[in-house]
């Protein structure tokens, strides 16, 4: 079976991933998560799409019990190396977010920086990720995630935004084309992997509007769905979602 773009992207990209601009807000994001968890160190947290483990590791440093899952063995290996260097004991497991091996095991699940959702090639697959995250947490548990804000491309160029936020030596994006019928942005992502090999990937990502997210989560049994703007490293309940926010922050309980 042909590999999808997100599988190819993360086959050999762990070092470069940790230098991307969008991973620089870990401390502030974990400050926010702690407030949401009411600083309860007894809870178990599932980090879906954990990548190189930045949130898992920081939360573990602060005394939380975290399990991280990701599809990429390359990213997981880097996560394990970083956690071992610090003497942290974190379960990092390879798993597909569309088919998780957990049932009502966690008090909370996080899925930040597009940790799987909404990268899948169909809406049904994206919904599977939400279903599996819901299945993994206990009744009354909390799901916190960020996702692409469908209001943003209606007013702004996604290509211009990505170009402005790119750093030297990091991934670049071009030929963006936003489809109003599917709310998918198709683009060519160009990277240089950890061995210096250049790759050009035909990607597409799904953007969601707040009403869609609310409906999807309520259909899964969540009774309270709150949506805010997601500012890098500075998540806050004070940030009302606007058309200026590239991402939205979702808190479901």
Protein backbone atom coordinates (compact mmCIF):
# COMPACT_ATOMS: atom_id res chain seq x y z
CA UNK A 1 0.00 0.00 0.00
CA UNK A 2 1.31 3.44 -0.95
CA UNK A 3 2.34 5.53 2.03
CA UNK A 4 0.53 8.76 2.73
CA UNK A 5 2.33 12.10 2.79
CA UNK A 6 2.30 12.32 6.59
CA UNK A 7 3.97 8.90 6.81
CA UNK A 8 6.67 9.85 4.32
CA UNK A 9 7.24 13.21 6.00
CA UNK A 10 8.06 11.71 9.37
CA UNK A 11 10.13 8.70 8.27
CA UNK A 12 13.40 10.54 8.89
CA UNK A 13 12.62 13.99 10.26
CA UNK A 14 13.01 13.86 14.06
CA UNK A 15 15.98 16.24 14.28
CA UNK A 16 14.50 18.72 11.84
CA UNK A 17 11.09 18.46 13.53
CA UNK A 18 12.51 19.75 16.78
CA UNK A 19 13.79 22.86 14.98
CA UNK A 20 10.44 23.80 13.44
CA UNK A 21 8.89 27.10 14.57
CA UNK A 22 5.59 25.50 15.56
CA UNK A 23 7.16 23.35 18.30
CA UNK A 24 8.57 26.29 20.27
CA UNK A 25 5.58 26.89 22.54
CA UNK A 26 5.79 23.77 24.70
CA UNK A 27 6.31 25.39 28.11
CA UNK A 28 3.42 27.81 27.81
CA UNK A 29 1.13 25.13 26.39
CA UNK A 30 1.93 22.81 29.31
CA UNK A 31 1.26 25.67 31.74
CA UNK A 32 -2.22 25.87 30.23
CA UNK A 33 -2.71 22.10 30.38
CA UNK A 34 -1.79 22.06 34.05
CA UNK A 35 -4.43 24.66 34.79
CA UNK A 36 -6.99 22.58 32.90
CA UNK A 37 -5.96 19.50 34.88
CA UNK A 38 -6.21 21.55 38.10
CA UNK A 39 -2.63 20.47 38.90
CA UNK A 40 -3.87 16.97 39.79
CA UNK A 41 -0.78 14.76 39.53
CA UNK A 42 -2.87 11.62 40.04
CA UNK A 43 -4.41 11.72 36.59
CA UNK A 44 -3.28 9.68 33.58
CA UNK A 45 -2.78 11.56 30.32
CA UNK A 46 -2.70 10.21 26.76
CA UNK A 47 -0.69 12.28 24.26
CA UNK A 48 -1.97 11.40 20.78
CA UNK A 49 0.42 12.18 17.96
CA UNK A 50 3.15 12.91 20.49
CA UNK A 51 5.88 13.36 17.86
CA UNK A 52 9.28 13.68 19.53
CA UNK A 53 7.56 13.82 22.90
CA UNK A 54 7.77 17.50 23.73
CA UNK A 55 4.47 17.74 25.66
CA UNK A 56 4.79 14.24 27.14
CA UNK A 57 8.29 14.96 28.41
CA UNK A 58 7.46 18.38 29.85
CA UNK A 59 4.36 17.06 31.62
CA UNK A 60 6.36 14.11 32.94
CA UNK A 61 8.98 16.55 34.27
CA UNK A 62 6.15 18.20 36.18
CA UNK A 63 5.07 14.94 37.76
CA UNK A 64 2.28 13.69 35.50
CA UNK A 65 1.76 10.12 34.31
CA UNK A 66 1.81 10.35 30.50
CA UNK A 67 1.61 7.83 27.67
CA UNK A 68 2.60 9.04 24.21
CA UNK A 69 1.55 7.43 20.95
CA UNK A 70 2.57 8.20 17.39
CA UNK A 71 2.54 6.52 13.99
CA UNK A 72 6.17 7.39 13.27
CA UNK A 73 8.87 5.12 14.69
CA UNK A 74 11.46 7.76 13.82
CA UNK A 75 9.79 10.42 15.97
CA UNK A 76 9.14 7.94 18.78
CA UNK A 77 12.78 6.89 18.86
CA UNK A 78 13.78 10.51 19.35
CA UNK A 79 11.15 10.89 22.10
CA UNK A 80 12.51 7.83 23.90
CA UNK A 81 16.10 9.07 23.64
CA UNK A 82 15.19 12.48 25.06
CA UNK A 83 13.19 11.03 27.93
CA UNK A 84 15.92 8.54 28.86
CA UNK A 85 18.52 11.32 28.90
CA UNK A 86 16.45 12.99 31.62
CA UNK A 87 15.71 9.79 33.52
CA UNK A 88 12.00 10.02 32.82
CA UNK A 89 9.84 6.92 32.55
CA UNK A 90 7.29 7.50 29.81
CA UNK A 91 5.50 4.86 27.77
CA UNK A 92 6.03 5.79 24.12
CA UNK A 93 4.12 3.41 21.86
CA UNK A 94 3.71 3.12 18.11
CA UNK A 95 0.00 3.19 17.35
CA UNK A 96 -2.37 4.48 14.72
CA UNK A 97 -4.68 7.13 16.20
CA UNK A 98 -7.51 5.62 14.15
CA UNK A 99 -7.22 2.36 16.08
CA UNK A 100 -6.01 2.83 19.64
CA UNK A 101 -5.57 -0.10 22.07
CA UNK A 102 -7.11 1.76 25.03
CA UNK A 103 -10.57 1.65 26.58
CA UNK A 104 -11.45 4.09 29.37
CA UNK A 105 -7.88 4.12 30.68
CA UNK A 106 -7.06 7.82 30.81
CA UNK A 107 -8.42 10.83 32.63
CA UNK A 108 -7.47 13.15 29.79
CA UNK A 109 -6.23 13.03 26.22
CA UNK A 110 -4.31 15.74 24.41
CA UNK A 111 -3.74 16.06 20.68
CA UNK A 112 -1.77 19.21 19.96
CA UNK A 113 -0.20 20.73 16.86
CA UNK A 114 -2.34 18.59 14.55
CA UNK A 115 -1.42 15.33 16.23
CA UNK A 116 -3.04 13.12 13.59
CA UNK A 117 -6.32 15.01 13.42
CA UNK A 118 -6.92 16.67 10.87
CA UNK A 119 -4.22 15.21 8.61
CA UNK A 120 -6.12 12.16 7.37
CA UNK A 121 -7.15 11.83 3.75
CA UNK A 122 -10.88 11.48 4.46
CA UNK A 123 -13.32 13.05 6.92
CA UNK A 124 -14.28 9.57 8.07
CA UNK A 125 -10.69 8.85 9.10
CA UNK A 126 -10.45 12.13 10.96
CA UNK A 127 -13.65 11.25 12.80
CA UNK A 128 -12.17 7.85 13.70
CA UNK A 129 -9.39 9.67 15.54
CA UNK A 130 -11.91 11.60 17.62
CA UNK A 131 -13.82 8.36 18.27
CA UNK A 132 -10.70 6.56 19.44
CA UNK A 133 -9.60 9.43 21.66
CA UNK A 134 -13.05 9.44 23.24
CA UNK A 135 -12.91 5.68 23.77
CA UNK A 136 -9.53 5.96 25.48
CA UNK A 137 -10.65 8.35 28.21
CA UNK A 138 -12.80 7.60 31.22
CA UNK A 139 -16.38 8.90 31.51
CA UNK A 140 -16.17 12.53 32.53
CA UNK A 141 -12.64 12.81 31.14
CA UNK A 142 -11.34 15.73 29.12
CA UNK A 143 -10.15 15.93 25.52
CA UNK A 144 -7.97 18.91 24.59
CA UNK A 145 -6.72 19.42 21.06
CA UNK A 146 -5.82 21.97 18.43
CA UNK A 147 -6.96 21.87 14.85
CA UNK A 148 -6.89 24.05 11.74
CA UNK A 149 -9.39 26.90 11.82
CA UNK A 150 -11.64 26.82 8.75
CA UNK A 151 -12.48 30.50 9.20
CA UNK A 152 -8.88 31.55 8.51
CA UNK A 153 -8.61 30.59 4.80
CA UNK A 154 -11.85 32.45 4.03
CA UNK A 155 -10.08 35.71 4.82
CA UNK A 156 -6.36 34.98 4.38
CA UNK A 157 -3.86 33.20 2.17
CA UNK A 158 -2.67 29.99 3.81
CA UNK A 159 0.39 30.02 1.57
CA UNK A 160 1.35 33.53 2.69
CA UNK A 161 0.86 32.60 6.35
CA UNK A 162 3.06 29.51 6.05
CA UNK A 163 5.75 31.42 4.17
CA UNK A 164 5.83 34.12 6.84
CA UNK A 165 6.20 31.62 9.66
CA UNK A 166 8.82 29.37 8.03
CA UNK A 167 12.35 29.32 9.39
CA UNK A 168 15.63 28.68 7.62
CA UNK A 169 16.12 24.99 6.91
CA UNK A 170 12.56 24.05 7.86
CA UNK A 171 9.65 22.80 5.77
CA UNK A 172 8.28 25.13 3.10
CA UNK A 173 4.85 25.13 1.51
CA UNK A 174 3.78 26.23 -1.96
CA UNK A 175 1.00 25.94 -4.53
CA UNK A 176 -1.65 26.08 -1.82
CA UNK A 177 -5.18 25.61 -3.10
CA UNK A 178 -8.08 25.83 -0.64
CA UNK A 179 -11.20 23.92 -1.73
CA UNK A 180 -14.39 25.59 -0.50
CA UNK A 181 -16.43 22.43 -1.08
CA UNK A 182 -14.26 20.18 1.12
CA UNK A 183 -12.42 22.75 3.29
CA UNK A 184 -9.17 21.04 2.40
CA UNK A 185 -5.95 22.85 1.62
CA UNK A 186 -3.84 21.08 -1.00
CA UNK A 187 -0.19 22.06 -1.12
CA UNK A 188 3.31 20.96 -2.02
CA UNK A 189 5.45 20.61 1.12
CA UNK A 190 9.18 20.61 0.54
CA UNK A 191 11.57 19.35 3.20
CA UNK A 192 15.13 18.25 3.67
CA UNK A 193 15.26 15.21 5.94
CA UNK A 194 17.80 14.45 8.66
CA UNK A 195 20.17 12.93 6.08
CA UNK A 196 19.97 15.96 3.81
CA UNK A 197 17.70 14.29 1.29
CA UNK A 198 15.19 16.67 -0.29
CA UNK A 199 11.57 15.60 -0.61
CA UNK A 200 8.54 17.15 -2.27
CA UNK A 201 5.24 15.91 -0.86
CA UNK A 202 1.73 16.40 -2.23
CA UNK A 203 -0.22 17.13 0.95
CA UNK A 204 -3.75 17.97 1.96
CA UNK A 205 -5.13 18.97 5.32
CA UNK A 206 -8.69 19.43 6.50
CA UNK A 207 -9.77 22.73 8.05
CA UNK A 208 -12.80 22.73 10.36
CA UNK A 209 -15.26 25.43 11.37
CA UNK A 210 -16.32 25.60 15.05
CA UNK A 211 -19.86 24.33 14.45
CA UNK A 212 -18.51 21.17 12.79
CA UNK A 213 -16.19 20.42 15.71
CA UNK A 214 -18.98 21.02 18.21
CA UNK A 215 -21.36 18.70 16.35
CA UNK A 216 -18.75 15.95 15.94
CA UNK A 217 -17.83 15.98 19.63
CA UNK A 218 -21.42 16.15 20.87
CA UNK A 219 -22.24 13.18 18.65
CA UNK A 220 -19.55 11.31 20.61
CA UNK A 221 -21.16 12.10 23.93
CA UNK A 222 -19.32 15.21 25.10
CA UNK A 223 -21.74 17.61 26.72
CA UNK A 224 -19.49 20.66 26.92
CA UNK A 225 -17.42 21.82 23.96
CA UNK A 226 -15.45 25.06 24.24
CA UNK A 227 -13.44 26.56 21.40
CA UNK A 228 -10.84 29.31 21.58
CA UNK A 229 -8.09 30.82 19.48
CA UNK A 230 -4.82 28.89 19.72
CA UNK A 231 -1.77 31.13 20.04
CA UNK A 232 1.61 29.40 19.96
CA UNK A 233 2.85 28.84 23.49
CA UNK A 234 0.09 30.96 24.98
CA UNK A 235 -3.15 28.99 25.07
CA UNK A 236 -5.82 30.88 26.98
CA UNK A 237 -9.53 30.75 27.65
CA UNK A 238 -9.46 34.53 27.22
CA UNK A 239 -8.75 34.26 23.47
CA UNK A 240 -12.01 34.32 21.58
CA UNK A 241 -11.68 32.50 18.26
CA UNK A 242 -11.53 34.89 15.30
CA UNK A 243 -10.77 34.76 11.58
CA UNK A 244 -7.20 35.80 12.47
CA UNK A 245 -6.46 32.50 14.26
CA UNK A 246 -4.76 29.87 12.09
CA UNK A 247 -5.60 27.20 14.69
CA UNK A 248 -8.38 26.68 17.18
CA UNK A 249 -8.07 25.24 20.66
CA UNK A 250 -10.81 22.76 21.59
CA UNK A 251 -11.67 21.62 25.12
CA UNK A 252 -14.33 18.91 25.39
CA UNK A 253 -15.70 17.30 28.52
